């Protein structure tokens, strides 16, 4: 998923927060926190296309 708003989070392997801008890909480990903060874009990203039915 991609960020729709600015978000600060600490990705795996880092000790300091990183500021993500709108349009940046959200690391999987931060998706739940970003979702709860309402900063993710509702549209699925190209990195994870949904399966066709």
Protein backbone atom coordinates (compact mmCIF):
# COMPACT_ATOMS: atom_id res chain seq x y z
CA UNK A 1 0.00 0.00 0.00
CA UNK A 2 1.05 3.60 -0.45
CA UNK A 3 0.86 6.50 1.95
CA UNK A 4 -1.80 9.14 1.31
CA UNK A 5 -0.44 11.46 4.02
CA UNK A 6 2.90 12.10 5.70
CA UNK A 7 3.78 9.43 8.28
CA UNK A 8 6.72 8.83 10.61
CA UNK A 9 7.61 5.29 11.61
CA UNK A 10 10.57 3.09 12.49
CA UNK A 11 11.00 0.30 9.92
CA UNK A 12 12.63 -3.02 10.81
CA UNK A 13 16.38 -2.75 11.17
CA UNK A 14 16.36 0.99 11.96
CA UNK A 15 16.61 2.80 15.29
CA UNK A 16 15.38 6.22 14.18
CA UNK A 17 12.03 7.15 12.63
CA UNK A 18 11.76 7.70 8.91
CA UNK A 19 9.38 10.27 7.44
CA UNK A 20 7.34 8.84 4.59
CA UNK A 21 5.70 11.16 2.05
CA UNK A 22 2.43 10.68 0.19
CA UNK A 23 2.99 8.18 -2.63
CA UNK A 24 5.78 6.27 -0.84
CA UNK A 25 5.34 2.53 -0.39
CA UNK A 26 4.44 1.49 3.14
CA UNK A 27 6.72 -1.19 4.64
CA UNK A 28 4.71 -4.28 5.65
CA UNK A 29 5.75 -3.93 9.30
CA UNK A 30 4.20 -0.42 9.48
CA UNK A 31 0.95 -1.15 7.60
CA UNK A 32 -1.17 -1.83 10.69
CA UNK A 33 -0.04 1.35 12.48
CA UNK A 34 -0.45 3.44 9.34
CA UNK A 35 -3.92 1.96 8.72
CA UNK A 36 -4.99 2.82 12.28
CA UNK A 37 -3.70 6.38 11.81
CA UNK A 38 -5.66 6.70 8.54
CA UNK A 39 -2.65 7.65 6.42
CA UNK A 40 -2.79 4.88 3.79
CA UNK A 41 -4.20 5.25 0.30
CA UNK A 42 -7.35 3.16 -0.19
CA UNK A 43 -6.24 2.01 -3.64
CA UNK A 44 -4.03 -1.11 -3.76
CA UNK A 45 -0.48 -0.50 -4.96
CA UNK A 46 1.04 -2.10 -8.06
CA UNK A 47 3.47 -3.99 -5.81
CA UNK A 48 0.62 -6.20 -4.58
CA UNK A 49 -1.95 -6.64 -7.31
CA UNK A 50 -5.20 -8.30 -6.29
CA UNK A 51 -5.95 -11.70 -7.76
CA UNK A 52 -8.40 -11.73 -10.65
CA UNK A 53 -11.53 -13.76 -10.05
